[in-house]
C-alpha atoms as a PDB file:
ATOM      1  CA  UNK A   1       0.000   0.000   0.000  1.00  0.00           C
ATOM      2  CA  UNK A   2       1.379   3.423  -0.924  1.00  0.00           C
ATOM      3  CA  UNK A   3       1.626   6.330   1.490  1.00  0.00           C
ATOM      4  CA  UNK A   4      -1.314   8.667   1.920  1.00  0.00           C
ATOM      5  CA  UNK A   5       0.300  11.630   0.153  1.00  0.00           C
ATOM      6  CA  UNK A   6       1.376   9.423  -2.744  1.00  0.00           C
ATOM      7  CA  UNK A   7      -2.167   8.143  -3.014  1.00  0.00           C
ATOM      8  CA  UNK A   8      -3.511  11.677  -3.232  1.00  0.00           C
ATOM      9  CA  UNK A   9      -1.022  12.492  -6.016  1.00  0.00           C
ATOM     10  CA  UNK A  10      -2.061   9.349  -7.869  1.00  0.00           C
ATOM     11  CA  UNK A  11      -5.726  10.206  -7.657  1.00  0.00           C
ATOM     12  CA  UNK A  12      -5.463  13.863  -8.593  1.00  0.00           C
ATOM     13  CA  UNK A  13      -3.295  14.106 -11.654  1.00  0.00           C
ATOM     14  CA  UNK A  14      -0.081  12.073 -11.570  1.00  0.00           C
ATOM     15  CA  UNK A  15      -1.264  10.163 -14.636  1.00  0.00           C
ATOM     16  CA  UNK A  16      -2.310  11.471 -18.021  1.00  0.00           C
ATOM     17  CA  UNK A  17      -4.457   8.558 -19.189  1.00  0.00           C
ATOM     18  CA  UNK A  18      -5.582   6.952 -15.921  1.00  0.00           C
ATOM     19  CA  UNK A  19      -8.122   8.343 -13.479  1.00  0.00           C
ATOM     20  CA  UNK A  20      -9.235   7.156 -10.085  1.00  0.00           C
ATOM     21  CA  UNK A  21      -9.781   4.623  -8.724  1.00  0.00           C
ATOM     22  CA  UNK A  22     -13.231   6.123  -8.283  1.00  0.00           C
ATOM     23  CA  UNK A  23     -16.350   4.663  -6.652  1.00  0.00           C
ATOM     24  CA  UNK A  24     -18.522   3.133  -9.367  1.00  0.00           C
ATOM     25  CA  UNK A  25     -22.195   2.253  -9.242  1.00  0.00           C
ATOM     26  CA  UNK A  26     -21.458  -0.971 -11.076  1.00  0.00           C
ATOM     27  CA  UNK A  27     -17.854  -1.932 -10.518  1.00  0.00           C
ATOM     28  CA  UNK A  28     -16.869  -0.957  -6.990  1.00  0.00           C
ATOM     29  CA  UNK A  29     -13.434   0.695  -6.817  1.00  0.00           C
ATOM     30  CA  UNK A  30     -12.690   1.208 -10.484  1.00  0.00           C
ATOM     31  CA  UNK A  31      -9.527   2.522 -12.187  1.00  0.00           C
ATOM     32  CA  UNK A  32     -10.481   4.334 -15.375  1.00  0.00           C
ATOM     33  CA  UNK A  33      -8.450   4.284 -18.594  1.00  0.00           C
ATOM     34  CA  UNK A  34      -9.112   7.100 -21.068  1.00  0.00           C
ATOM     35  CA  UNK A  35      -8.296   6.242 -24.686  1.00  0.00           C
ATOM     36  CA  UNK A  36      -9.807   9.138 -26.656  1.00  0.00           C
ATOM     37  CA  UNK A  37      -9.711  12.934 -26.608  1.00  0.00           C
ATOM     38  CA  UNK A  38     -12.590  14.648 -24.805  1.00  0.00           C
ATOM     39  CA  UNK A  39     -15.981  13.812 -26.329  1.00  0.00           C
ATOM     40  CA  UNK A  40     -14.695  11.950 -29.349  1.00  0.00           C
ATOM     41  CA  UNK A  41     -17.575   9.575 -29.881  1.00  0.00           C
ATOM     42  CA  UNK A  42     -19.757   7.799 -32.403  1.00  0.00           C
ATOM     43  CA  UNK A  43     -22.908   9.161 -30.767  1.00  0.00           C
ATOM     44  CA  UNK A  44     -24.121  12.407 -29.229  1.00  0.00           C
ATOM     45  CA  UNK A  45     -26.495  11.013 -26.595  1.00  0.00           C
ATOM     46  CA  UNK A  46     -28.861  13.540 -25.060  1.00  0.00           C
ATOM     47  CA  UNK A  47     -28.205  12.113 -21.580  1.00  0.00           C
ATOM     48  CA  UNK A  48     -24.381  11.991 -21.643  1.00  0.00           C
ATOM     49  CA  UNK A  49     -22.895  13.100 -18.314  1.00  0.00           C
ATOM     50  CA  UNK A  50     -19.869  14.618 -20.071  1.00  0.00           C
ATOM     51  CA  UNK A  51     -21.858  16.975 -22.264  1.00  0.00           C
ATOM     52  CA  UNK A  52     -22.373  17.225 -26.007  1.00  0.00           C
ATOM     53  CA  UNK A  53     -20.101  15.371 -28.405  1.00  0.00           C
ATOM     54  CA  UNK A  54     -17.615  17.741 -30.012  1.00  0.00           C
ATOM     55  CA  UNK A  55     -16.085  15.225 -32.444  1.00  0.00           C
ATOM     56  CA  UNK A  56     -18.781  12.931 -33.843  1.00  0.00           C
ATOM     57  CA  UNK A  57     -16.893  10.281 -35.800  1.00  0.00           C
ATOM     58  CA  UNK A  58     -16.655   6.612 -36.764  1.00  0.00           C
ATOM     59  CA  UNK A  59     -13.029   6.882 -37.933  1.00  0.00           C
ATOM     60  CA  UNK A  60     -10.858   4.660 -35.753  1.00  0.00           C
ATOM     61  CA  UNK A  61      -7.314   5.734 -34.888  1.00  0.00           C
ATOM     62  CA  UNK A  62      -4.744   5.512 -32.093  1.00  0.00           C
ATOM     63  CA  UNK A  63      -5.969   8.726 -30.554  1.00  0.00           C
ATOM     64  CA  UNK A  64      -3.677   8.405 -27.542  1.00  0.00           C
ATOM     65  CA  UNK A  65      -0.377   6.439 -27.509  1.00  0.00           C
ATOM     66  CA  UNK A  66      -1.245   3.004 -26.164  1.00  0.00           C
ATOM     67  CA  UNK A  67       2.389   2.246 -25.302  1.00  0.00           C
ATOM     68  CA  UNK A  68       2.328   5.255 -22.953  1.00  0.00           C
ATOM     69  CA  UNK A  69      -1.000   4.120 -21.498  1.00  0.00           C
ATOM     70  CA  UNK A  70       0.488   0.710 -20.735  1.00  0.00           C
ATOM     71  CA  UNK A  71       3.546   2.337 -19.112  1.00  0.00           C
ATOM     72  CA  UNK A  72       1.236   4.256 -16.803  1.00  0.00           C
ATOM     73  CA  UNK A  73      -0.663   1.069 -16.013  1.00  0.00           C
ATOM     74  CA  UNK A  74       2.599  -0.683 -15.195  1.00  0.00           C
ATOM     75  CA  UNK A  75       3.580   2.121 -12.827  1.00  0.00           C
ATOM     76  CA  UNK A  76       0.167   2.110 -11.161  1.00  0.00           C
ATOM     77  CA  UNK A  77       0.228  -1.663 -10.709  1.00  0.00           C
ATOM     78  CA  UNK A  78       3.601  -1.399  -8.943  1.00  0.00           C
ATOM     79  CA  UNK A  79       2.815   1.609  -6.721  1.00  0.00           C
ATOM     80  CA  UNK A  80      -0.833   0.976  -5.894  1.00  0.00           C
ATOM     81  CA  UNK A  81      -2.529  -1.808  -7.849  1.00  0.00           C
ATOM     82  CA  UNK A  82      -5.636  -1.829  -5.648  1.00  0.00           C
ATOM     83  CA  UNK A  83      -8.922  -1.819  -7.523  1.00  0.00           C
ATOM     84  CA  UNK A  84     -11.872  -4.099  -8.148  1.00  0.00           C
ATOM     85  CA  UNK A  85     -11.805  -3.473 -11.897  1.00  0.00           C
ATOM     86  CA  UNK A  86      -9.787  -1.652 -14.555  1.00  0.00           C
ATOM     87  CA  UNK A  87     -12.273   0.022 -16.847  1.00  0.00           C
ATOM     88  CA  UNK A  88     -11.860   1.346 -20.379  1.00  0.00           C
ATOM     89  CA  UNK A  89     -14.177   4.341 -20.398  1.00  0.00           C
ATOM     90  CA  UNK A  90     -13.424   8.031 -20.032  1.00  0.00           C
ATOM     91  CA  UNK A  91     -13.955  10.919 -22.419  1.00  0.00           C
ATOM     92  CA  UNK A  92     -15.448   9.155 -25.437  1.00  0.00           C
ATOM     93  CA  UNK A  93     -16.046   5.811 -27.145  1.00  0.00           C
ATOM     94  CA  UNK A  94     -13.035   3.591 -26.269  1.00  0.00           C
ATOM     95  CA  UNK A  95     -13.412   1.254 -29.268  1.00  0.00           C
ATOM     96  CA  UNK A  96     -12.619   4.214 -31.540  1.00  0.00           C
ATOM     97  CA  UNK A  97      -9.032   3.743 -30.372  1.00  0.00           C
ATOM     98  CA  UNK A  98      -7.617   1.256 -32.870  1.00  0.00           C
ATOM     99  CA  UNK A  99      -5.420  -0.352 -30.185  1.00  0.00           C
ATOM    100  CA  UNK A 100      -7.861  -0.551 -27.271  1.00  0.00           C
ATOM    101  CA  UNK A 101      -7.464  -4.341 -27.256  1.00  0.00           C
ATOM    102  CA  UNK A 102      -3.732  -3.998 -26.487  1.00  0.00           C
ATOM    103  CA  UNK A 103      -4.596  -2.239 -23.221  1.00  0.00           C
ATOM    104  CA  UNK A 104      -6.945  -5.043 -22.217  1.00  0.00           C
ATOM    105  CA  UNK A 105      -4.301  -7.616 -23.090  1.00  0.00           C
ATOM    106  CA  UNK A 106      -1.633  -5.780 -21.070  1.00  0.00           C
ATOM    107  CA  UNK A 107      -3.818  -5.770 -17.955  1.00  0.00           C
ATOM    108  CA  UNK A 108      -4.637  -9.458 -18.365  1.00  0.00           C
ATOM    109  CA  UNK A 109      -0.974 -10.365 -18.703  1.00  0.00           C
ATOM    110  CA  UNK A 110       0.247  -8.209 -15.798  1.00  0.00           C
ATOM    111  CA  UNK A 111      -2.444  -8.379 -13.120  1.00  0.00           C
ATOM    112  CA  UNK A 112      -5.325 -10.376 -11.735  1.00  0.00           C
ATOM    113  CA  UNK A 113      -7.709  -7.407 -11.819  1.00  0.00           C
ATOM    114  CA  UNK A 114     -10.736  -7.894 -14.048  1.00  0.00           C
ATOM    115  CA  UNK A 115     -10.979  -5.720 -17.155  1.00  0.00           C
ATOM    116  CA  UNK A 116     -14.173  -3.932 -18.138  1.00  0.00           C
ATOM    117  CA  UNK A 117     -15.035  -2.333 -21.477  1.00  0.00           C
ATOM    118  CA  UNK A 118     -17.734   0.340 -21.360  1.00  0.00           C
ATOM    119  CA  UNK A 119     -18.931   0.839 -24.925  1.00  0.00           C
ATOM    120  CA  UNK A 120     -22.031   2.087 -26.664  1.00  0.00           C
ATOM    121  CA  UNK A 121     -21.697  -0.948 -28.934  1.00  0.00           C
ATOM    122  CA  UNK A 122     -22.005   1.032 -32.163  1.00  0.00           C
ATOM    123  CA  UNK A 123     -18.784  -0.396 -33.662  1.00  0.00           C
ATOM    124  CA  UNK A 124     -19.313  -4.050 -32.743  1.00  0.00           C
ATOM    125  CA  UNK A 125     -20.440  -4.716 -36.295  1.00  0.00           C
ATOM    126  CA  UNK A 126     -16.701  -4.503 -37.200  1.00  0.00           C
ATOM    127  CA  UNK A 127     -14.963  -7.906 -36.830  1.00  0.00           C
ATOM    128  CA  UNK A 128     -11.712  -6.540 -35.341  1.00  0.00           C
ATOM    129  CA  UNK A 129     -13.658  -4.537 -32.749  1.00  0.00           C
ATOM    130  CA  UNK A 130     -15.582  -7.644 -31.716  1.00  0.00           C
ATOM    131  CA  UNK A 131     -12.334  -9.599 -31.512  1.00  0.00           C
ATOM    132  CA  UNK A 132     -10.663  -6.943 -29.350  1.00  0.00           C
ATOM    133  CA  UNK A 133     -13.664  -6.547 -27.059  1.00  0.00           C
ATOM    134  CA  UNK A 134     -13.774 -10.319 -26.528  1.00  0.00           C
ATOM    135  CA  UNK A 135     -10.549 -10.079 -24.484  1.00  0.00           C
ATOM    136  CA  UNK A 136     -12.303  -8.195 -21.662  1.00  0.00           C
ATOM    137  CA  UNK A 137     -13.789  -9.941 -18.648  1.00  0.00           C
ATOM    138  CA  UNK A 138     -16.914  -7.777 -18.716  1.00  0.00           C
ATOM    139  CA  UNK A 139     -18.359  -5.768 -21.596  1.00  0.00           C
ATOM    140  CA  UNK A 140     -21.145  -3.324 -20.849  1.00  0.00           C
ATOM    141  CA  UNK A 141     -23.057  -2.123 -23.932  1.00  0.00           C
ATOM    142  CA  UNK A 142     -25.897   0.362 -24.281  1.00  0.00           C
ATOM    143  CA  UNK A 143     -29.375  -0.185 -25.684  1.00  0.00           C
ATOM    144  CA  UNK A 144     -31.760   2.712 -25.138  1.00  0.00           C
ATOM    145  CA  UNK A 145     -33.808   2.621 -28.354  1.00  0.00           C
ATOM    146  CA  UNK A 146     -35.964   0.149 -30.256  1.00  0.00           C
ATOM    147  CA  UNK A 147     -35.889   1.372 -33.860  1.00  0.00           C
ATOM    148  CA  UNK A 148     -34.169   3.829 -36.189  1.00  0.00           C
ATOM    149  CA  UNK A 149     -36.312   6.782 -35.164  1.00  0.00           C
ATOM    150  CA  UNK A 150     -35.848   6.361 -31.410  1.00  0.00           C
ATOM    151  CA  UNK A 151     -32.126   5.725 -31.930  1.00  0.00           C
ATOM    152  CA  UNK A 152     -31.908   9.069 -33.704  1.00  0.00           C
ATOM    153  CA  UNK A 153     -33.580  11.161 -31.052  1.00  0.00           C
ATOM    154  CA  UNK A 154     -32.077   9.496 -27.943  1.00  0.00           C
ATOM    155  CA  UNK A 155     -28.545   8.619 -29.106  1.00  0.00           C
ATOM    156  CA  UNK A 156     -28.075  11.010 -32.063  1.00  0.00           C
ATOM    157  CA  UNK A 157     -25.553   8.728 -33.835  1.00  0.00           C
ATOM    158  CA  UNK A 158     -23.070   9.540 -36.580  1.00  0.00           C
ATOM    159  CA  UNK A 159     -24.965   9.734 -39.905  1.00  0.00           C
ATOM    160  CA  UNK A 160     -23.335   6.527 -41.162  1.00  0.00           C
ATOM    161  CA  UNK A 161     -24.658   4.437 -38.263  1.00  0.00           C
ATOM    162  CA  UNK A 162     -27.946   2.556 -38.399  1.00  0.00           C
ATOM    163  CA  UNK A 163     -29.920   0.975 -35.578  1.00  0.00           C
ATOM    164  CA  UNK A 164     -30.219  -2.371 -37.352  1.00  0.00           C
ATOM    165  CA  UNK A 165     -26.430  -2.381 -37.684  1.00  0.00           C
ATOM    166  CA  UNK A 166     -26.075  -1.735 -33.935  1.00  0.00           C
ATOM    167  CA  UNK A 167     -28.348  -4.622 -32.949  1.00  0.00           C
ATOM    168  CA  UNK A 168     -26.715  -6.985 -35.443  1.00  0.00           C
ATOM    169  CA  UNK A 169     -23.284  -6.125 -34.039  1.00  0.00           C
ATOM    170  CA  UNK A 170     -24.462  -6.835 -30.483  1.00  0.00           C
ATOM    171  CA  UNK A 171     -25.850 -10.235 -31.500  1.00  0.00           C
ATOM    172  CA  UNK A 172     -22.697 -11.192 -33.389  1.00  0.00           C
ATOM    173  CA  UNK A 173     -20.583 -10.163 -30.419  1.00  0.00           C
ATOM    174  CA  UNK A 174     -22.656 -12.289 -28.038  1.00  0.00           C
ATOM    175  CA  UNK A 175     -22.036 -15.307 -30.292  1.00  0.00           C
ATOM    176  CA  UNK A 176     -18.264 -15.062 -29.842  1.00  0.00           C
ATOM    177  CA  UNK A 177     -17.921 -13.537 -26.373  1.00  0.00           C
ATOM    178  CA  UNK A 178     -17.621 -15.903 -23.417  1.00  0.00           C
ATOM    179  CA  UNK A 179     -17.255 -13.285 -20.693  1.00  0.00           C
ATOM    180  CA  UNK A 180     -20.039 -11.344 -18.988  1.00  0.00           C
ATOM    181  CA  UNK A 181     -22.168  -9.204 -21.277  1.00  0.00           C
ATOM    182  CA  UNK A 182     -24.150  -6.461 -19.559  1.00  0.00           C
ATOM    183  CA  UNK A 183     -26.735  -4.186 -21.171  1.00  0.00           C
ATOM    184  CA  UNK A 184     -27.439  -0.743 -19.792  1.00  0.00           C
ATOM    185  CA  UNK A 185     -30.766   0.821 -20.756  1.00  0.00           C
ATOM    186  CA  UNK A 186     -30.740   4.571 -20.156  1.00  0.00           C
ATOM    187  CA  UNK A 187     -34.265   5.897 -19.741  1.00  0.00           C
ATOM    188  CA  UNK A 188     -35.242   9.523 -20.301  1.00  0.00           C
ATOM    189  CA  UNK A 189     -38.602  10.703 -19.024  1.00  0.00           C
ATOM    190  CA  UNK A 190     -40.946  11.341 -21.957  1.00  0.00           C
ATOM    191  CA  UNK A 191     -38.535   9.986 -24.609  1.00  0.00           C
ATOM    192  CA  UNK A 192     -38.212   6.227 -24.109  1.00  0.00           C
ATOM    193  CA  UNK A 193     -39.781   5.586 -20.717  1.00  0.00           C
ATOM    194  CA  UNK A 194     -43.350   4.417 -21.277  1.00  0.00           C
ATOM    195  CA  UNK A 195     -44.014   0.716 -20.575  1.00  0.00           C
ATOM    196  CA  UNK A 196     -44.769   0.108 -24.264  1.00  0.00           C
ATOM    197  CA  UNK A 197     -41.467   1.697 -25.342  1.00  0.00           C
ATOM    198  CA  UNK A 198     -39.485  -0.158 -22.703  1.00  0.00           C
ATOM    199  CA  UNK A 199     -41.172  -3.428 -23.709  1.00  0.00           C
ATOM    200  CA  UNK A 200     -39.826  -2.962 -27.239  1.00  0.00           C
ATOM    201  CA  UNK A 201     -36.302  -2.459 -25.852  1.00  0.00           C
ATOM    202  CA  UNK A 202     -36.756  -5.490 -23.595  1.00  0.00           C
ATOM    203  CA  UNK A 203     -37.707  -7.735 -26.520  1.00  0.00           C
ATOM    204  CA  UNK A 204     -34.572  -6.717 -28.405  1.00  0.00           C
ATOM    205  CA  UNK A 205     -32.349  -7.193 -25.365  1.00  0.00           C
ATOM    206  CA  UNK A 206     -33.708 -10.699 -24.865  1.00  0.00           C
ATOM    207  CA  UNK A 207     -32.486 -11.616 -28.351  1.00  0.00           C
ATOM    208  CA  UNK A 208     -28.955 -10.516 -27.409  1.00  0.00           C
ATOM    209  CA  UNK A 209     -28.846 -12.880 -24.377  1.00  0.00           C
ATOM    210  CA  UNK A 210     -27.112 -10.612 -21.844  1.00  0.00           C
ATOM    211  CA  UNK A 211     -25.951 -11.828 -18.444  1.00  0.00           C
ATOM    212  CA  UNK A 212     -27.234  -8.699 -16.690  1.00  0.00           C
ATOM    213  CA  UNK A 213     -29.519  -5.795 -17.564  1.00  0.00           C
ATOM    214  CA  UNK A 214     -29.357  -2.478 -15.747  1.00  0.00           C
ATOM    215  CA  UNK A 215     -31.763   0.444 -15.935  1.00  0.00           C
ATOM    216  CA  UNK A 216     -30.342   3.902 -15.523  1.00  0.00           C
ATOM    217  CA  UNK A 217     -31.633   7.448 -15.678  1.00  0.00           C
ATOM    218  CA  UNK A 218     -30.322  11.008 -15.428  1.00  0.00           C
ATOM    219  CA  UNK A 219     -29.002  11.164 -11.858  1.00  0.00           C
ATOM    220  CA  UNK A 220     -26.038  13.273 -13.043  1.00  0.00           C
ATOM    221  CA  UNK A 221     -26.164  16.470 -15.100  1.00  0.00           C
ATOM    222  CA  UNK A 222     -26.954  15.477 -18.733  1.00  0.00           C
ATOM    223  CA  UNK A 223     -25.841  16.953 -22.036  1.00  0.00           C
ATOM    224  CA  UNK A 224     -29.231  18.555 -22.686  1.00  0.00           C
ATOM    225  CA  UNK A 225     -31.318  20.472 -20.187  1.00  0.00           C
ATOM    226  CA  UNK A 226     -34.555  18.941 -21.518  1.00  0.00           C
ATOM    227  CA  UNK A 227     -33.479  15.513 -20.232  1.00  0.00           C
ATOM    228  CA  UNK A 228     -35.441  14.589 -17.111  1.00  0.00           C
ATOM    229  CA  UNK A 229     -34.924  11.509 -14.928  1.00  0.00           C
ATOM    230  CA  UNK A 230     -37.525   8.770 -14.696  1.00  0.00           C
ATOM    231  CA  UNK A 231     -39.009   8.807 -11.173  1.00  0.00           C
ATOM    232  CA  UNK A 232     -37.744   6.060  -8.891  1.00  0.00           C
ATOM    233  CA  UNK A 233     -41.094   4.317  -8.555  1.00  0.00           C
ATOM    234  CA  UNK A 234     -41.634   4.313 -12.319  1.00  0.00           C
ATOM    235  CA  UNK A 235     -38.241   2.905 -13.231  1.00  0.00           C
ATOM    236  CA  UNK A 236     -38.524   0.163 -10.581  1.00  0.00           C
ATOM    237  CA  UNK A 237     -41.831  -0.978 -12.079  1.00  0.00           C
ATOM    238  CA  UNK A 238     -40.150  -1.642 -15.444  1.00  0.00           C
ATOM    239  CA  UNK A 239     -37.608  -4.211 -14.236  1.00  0.00           C
ATOM    240  CA  UNK A 240     -39.860  -7.228 -14.724  1.00  0.00           C
ATOM    241  CA  UNK A 241     -40.291  -6.468 -18.413  1.00  0.00           C
ATOM    242  CA  UNK A 242     -36.750  -7.764 -19.011  1.00  0.00           C
ATOM    243  CA  UNK A 243     -35.259 -11.264 -19.174  1.00  0.00           C
ATOM    244  CA  UNK A 244     -33.203 -11.602 -17.074  1.00  0.00           C
ATOM    245  CA  UNK A 245     -35.001  -9.254 -14.698  1.00  0.00           C
ATOM    246  CA  UNK A 246     -33.353  -5.832 -14.823  1.00  0.00           C
ATOM    247  CA  UNK A 247     -31.889  -4.016 -11.843  1.00  0.00           C
ATOM    248  CA  UNK A 248     -32.024  -0.291 -11.175  1.00  0.00           C
ATOM    249  CA  UNK A 249     -28.589   1.227 -10.632  1.00  0.00           C
ATOM    250  CA  UNK A 250     -28.125   4.376  -8.603  1.00  0.00           C
ATOM    251  CA  UNK A 251     -25.125   6.493  -7.668  1.00  0.00           C
ATOM    252  CA  UNK A 252     -22.526   4.831  -5.485  1.00  0.00           C
ATOM    253  CA  UNK A 253     -22.760   6.709  -2.186  1.00  0.00           C
ATOM    254  CA  UNK A 254     -20.094   5.167   0.069  1.00  0.00           C
ATOM    255  CA  UNK A 255     -17.106   7.279  -0.933  1.00  0.00           C
ATOM    256  CA  UNK A 256     -15.396   7.500   2.473  1.00  0.00           C
ATOM    257  CA  UNK A 257     -12.637   5.047   1.570  1.00  0.00           C
ATOM    258  CA  UNK A 258     -11.657   7.002  -1.561  1.00  0.00           C
ATOM    259  CA  UNK A 259      -9.136   9.674  -0.546  1.00  0.00           C
ATOM    260  CA  UNK A 260      -9.529  12.511  -3.032  1.00  0.00           C
ATOM    261  CA  UNK A 261      -7.952  15.908  -2.636  1.00  0.00           C
ATOM    262  CA  UNK A 262     -10.972  17.405  -4.396  1.00  0.00           C
ATOM    263  CA  UNK A 263     -14.296  16.242  -3.007  1.00  0.00           C
ATOM    264  CA  UNK A 264     -17.828  17.430  -2.414  1.00  0.00           C
ATOM    265  CA  UNK A 265     -16.806  20.071   0.100  1.00  0.00           C
ATOM    266  CA  UNK A 266     -13.974  21.612  -1.910  1.00  0.00           C
ATOM    267  CA  UNK A 267     -16.035  21.667  -5.118  1.00  0.00           C
ATOM    268  CA  UNK A 268     -18.937  23.279  -3.246  1.00  0.00           C
ATOM    269  CA  UNK A 269     -16.561  25.841  -1.723  1.00  0.00           C
ATOM    270  CA  UNK A 270     -15.335  26.722  -5.218  1.00  0.00           C
ATOM    271  CA  UNK A 271     -18.903  27.134  -6.496  1.00  0.00           C
ATOM    272  CA  UNK A 272     -19.734  29.411  -3.549  1.00  0.00           C
ATOM    273  CA  UNK A 273     -17.116  31.810  -4.875  1.00  0.00           C
ATOM    274  CA  UNK A 274     -18.169  31.737  -8.522  1.00  0.00           C
ATOM    275  CA  UNK A 275     -20.137  29.638 -11.047  1.00  0.00           C
ATOM    276  CA  UNK A 276     -17.999  27.099 -12.923  1.00  0.00           C
ATOM    277  CA  UNK A 277     -18.289  24.678 -15.803  1.00  0.00           C
ATOM    278  CA  UNK A 278     -17.361  20.983 -15.305  1.00  0.00           C
ATOM    279  CA  UNK A 279     -14.191  21.562 -17.349  1.00  0.00           C
ATOM    280  CA  UNK A 280     -13.161  24.442 -15.082  1.00  0.00           C
ATOM    281  CA  UNK A 281     -13.664  22.273 -11.986  1.00  0.00           C
ATOM    282  CA  UNK A 282     -11.720  19.388 -13.525  1.00  0.00           C
ATOM    283  CA  UNK A 283      -8.860  21.697 -14.459  1.00  0.00           C
ATOM    284  CA  UNK A 284      -8.732  23.356 -11.035  1.00  0.00           C
ATOM    285  CA  UNK A 285      -8.500  20.092  -9.114  1.00  0.00           C
ATOM    286  CA  UNK A 286      -6.690  17.894 -11.641  1.00  0.00           C
ATOM    287  CA  UNK A 287      -9.679  15.572 -11.823  1.00  0.00           C
ATOM    288  CA  UNK A 288     -11.198  13.623 -14.671  1.00  0.00           C
ATOM    289  CA  UNK A 289     -14.613  14.778 -15.868  1.00  0.00           C
ATOM    290  CA  UNK A 290     -16.110  11.439 -14.838  1.00  0.00           C
ATOM    291  CA  UNK A 291     -15.041  12.130 -11.256  1.00  0.00           C
ATOM    292  CA  UNK A 292     -16.365  15.699 -11.404  1.00  0.00           C
ATOM    293  CA  UNK A 293     -19.741  14.506 -12.692  1.00  0.00           C
ATOM    294  CA  UNK A 294     -20.154  12.146  -9.732  1.00  0.00           C
ATOM    295  CA  UNK A 295     -19.734  14.973  -7.249  1.00  0.00           C
ATOM    296  CA  UNK A 296     -21.905  17.407  -9.219  1.00  0.00           C
ATOM    297  CA  UNK A 297     -24.692  14.837  -9.349  1.00  0.00           C
ATOM    298  CA  UNK A 298     -24.458  14.315  -5.597  1.00  0.00           C
ATOM    299  CA  UNK A 299     -24.489  18.060  -4.884  1.00  0.00           C
ATOM    300  CA  UNK A 300     -27.507  18.607  -7.136  1.00  0.00           C
ATOM    301  CA  UNK A 301     -29.468  15.795  -5.489  1.00  0.00           C
ATOM    302  CA  UNK A 302     -28.601  17.291  -2.099  1.00  0.00           C
ATOM    303  CA  UNK A 303     -30.085  20.633  -3.165  1.00  0.00           C
ATOM    304  CA  UNK A 304     -26.793  22.491  -2.762  1.00  0.00           C
ATOM    305  CA  UNK A 305     -26.152  23.576  -6.359  1.00  0.00           C
ATOM    306  CA  UNK A 306     -28.096  24.143  -9.562  1.00  0.00           C
ATOM    307  CA  UNK A 307     -27.389  24.269 -13.277  1.00  0.00           C
ATOM    308  CA  UNK A 308     -27.449  27.344 -15.502  1.00  0.00           C
ATOM    309  CA  UNK A 309     -26.800  27.347 -19.249  1.00  0.00           C
ATOM    310  CA  UNK A 310     -25.272  30.490 -20.736  1.00  0.00           C
ATOM    311  CA  UNK A 311     -24.056  30.965 -24.324  1.00  0.00           C
ATOM    312  CA  UNK A 312     -24.090  27.230 -24.864  1.00  0.00           C
ATOM    313  CA  UNK A 313     -22.004  26.466 -21.748  1.00  0.00           C
ATOM    314  CA  UNK A 314     -23.345  24.696 -18.667  1.00  0.00           C
ATOM    315  CA  UNK A 315     -22.458  26.354 -15.348  1.00  0.00           C
ATOM    316  CA  UNK A 316     -22.999  25.138 -11.788  1.00  0.00           C
ATOM    317  CA  UNK A 317     -23.981  27.590  -9.076  1.00  0.00           C
ATOM    318  CA  UNK A 318     -24.095  27.191  -5.301  1.00  0.00           C
ATOM    319  CA  UNK A 319     -27.563  27.855  -3.902  1.00  0.00           C
ATOM    320  CA  UNK A 320     -28.575  30.181  -1.090  1.00  0.00           C
ATOM    321  CA  UNK A 321     -31.595  29.745   1.146  1.00  0.00           C
ATOM    322  CA  UNK A 322     -33.214  32.559  -0.882  1.00  0.00           C
ATOM    323  CA  UNK A 323     -32.699  31.186  -4.386  1.00  0.00           C
ATOM    324  CA  UNK A 324     -33.068  27.467  -3.617  1.00  0.00           C
ATOM    325  CA  UNK A 325     -36.473  26.180  -4.852  1.00  0.00           C
ATOM    326  CA  UNK A 326     -36.411  23.260  -2.368  1.00  0.00           C
ATOM    327  CA  UNK A 327     -34.124  24.333   0.486  1.00  0.00           C
ATOM    328  CA  UNK A 328     -32.664  21.618   2.679  1.00  0.00           C
ATOM    329  CA  UNK A 329     -33.965  21.395   6.239  1.00  0.00           C
ATOM    330  CA  UNK A 330     -30.541  22.382   7.586  1.00  0.00           C
ATOM    331  CA  UNK A 331     -29.759  26.101   7.336  1.00  0.00           C
ATOM    332  CA  UNK A 332     -26.893  26.648   4.932  1.00  0.00           C
ATOM    333  CA  UNK A 333     -24.382  29.443   5.050  1.00  0.00           C
ATOM    334  CA  UNK A 334     -23.787  29.911   1.342  1.00  0.00           C
ATOM    335  CA  UNK A 335     -23.173  33.305  -0.141  1.00  0.00           C
ATOM    336  CA  UNK A 336     -24.977  34.580  -3.220  1.00  0.00           C
ATOM    337  CA  UNK A 337     -22.948  34.374  -6.425  1.00  0.00           C
ATOM    338  CA  UNK A 338     -23.276  36.519  -9.523  1.00  0.00           C
ATOM    339  CA  UNK A 339     -22.024  36.129 -13.065  1.00  0.00           C
END
């Protein structure tokens, strides 16, 4: 085990391509591996916690040097090496990196930690992507639509992508993948959340034969301000439509064992002084945007901050007892901020 100060350095910016370990709703203490530039993705999902896609593409390339990524992994394994999973996720679609499979292989050859690939599944129609993804222990794919039209309005894919192609790729991958295949269904209130809509998604997911199905909704700030979460009681009632029965996943709340220099309190203190965007918070504390989004989601649910969109940018503002629509029972000493 490394010393406390070394752990803080590790978690807050010692690495360029690794982030965390962070508490994950699905994977416990998870070390993230970022293989693409910020928001380089095949889709521009309305619910994305990292904001709108700035580089919508299907062109695969070695966006970040995989040899350098593996060097960082080697260093982390020697100096810390404590995590439940090592997860390929981050700032965009990891399978766009043409060498993502080499990272999975490196972890498998140099540790006993399980590898996870978080992918939207849009490139699994490509044989080499399926082959590379098959090296992971767990692959989590997304399925939040049931036809071409719903795919367009929920996921807003690259123009060359088709929904039929997505589903076919998922089925072909299941045929050759012997690890755990999970499907995440992200539900947006009023877009794909009625029982009849969810039943259509459930029928498709059953054809893919996943090991687990998880229902999610907008518990963190989404890309678009029109995205509303599905109420807890509604989303729970939809689980039995799926085979296997779906589970509702919520934010991981036990963060006490994760020693981060920047946490809820320091982020809130920063927002008391002035409104900030997620990128500004990440830059100030040397955090990854995934980590920032976890804390912002928690602060919003606690009624301590709110969102405000100005000139296309999303800002977060600390609330006062005067401007908070649903003030917490405890009196808060938070100063008014102006922009």
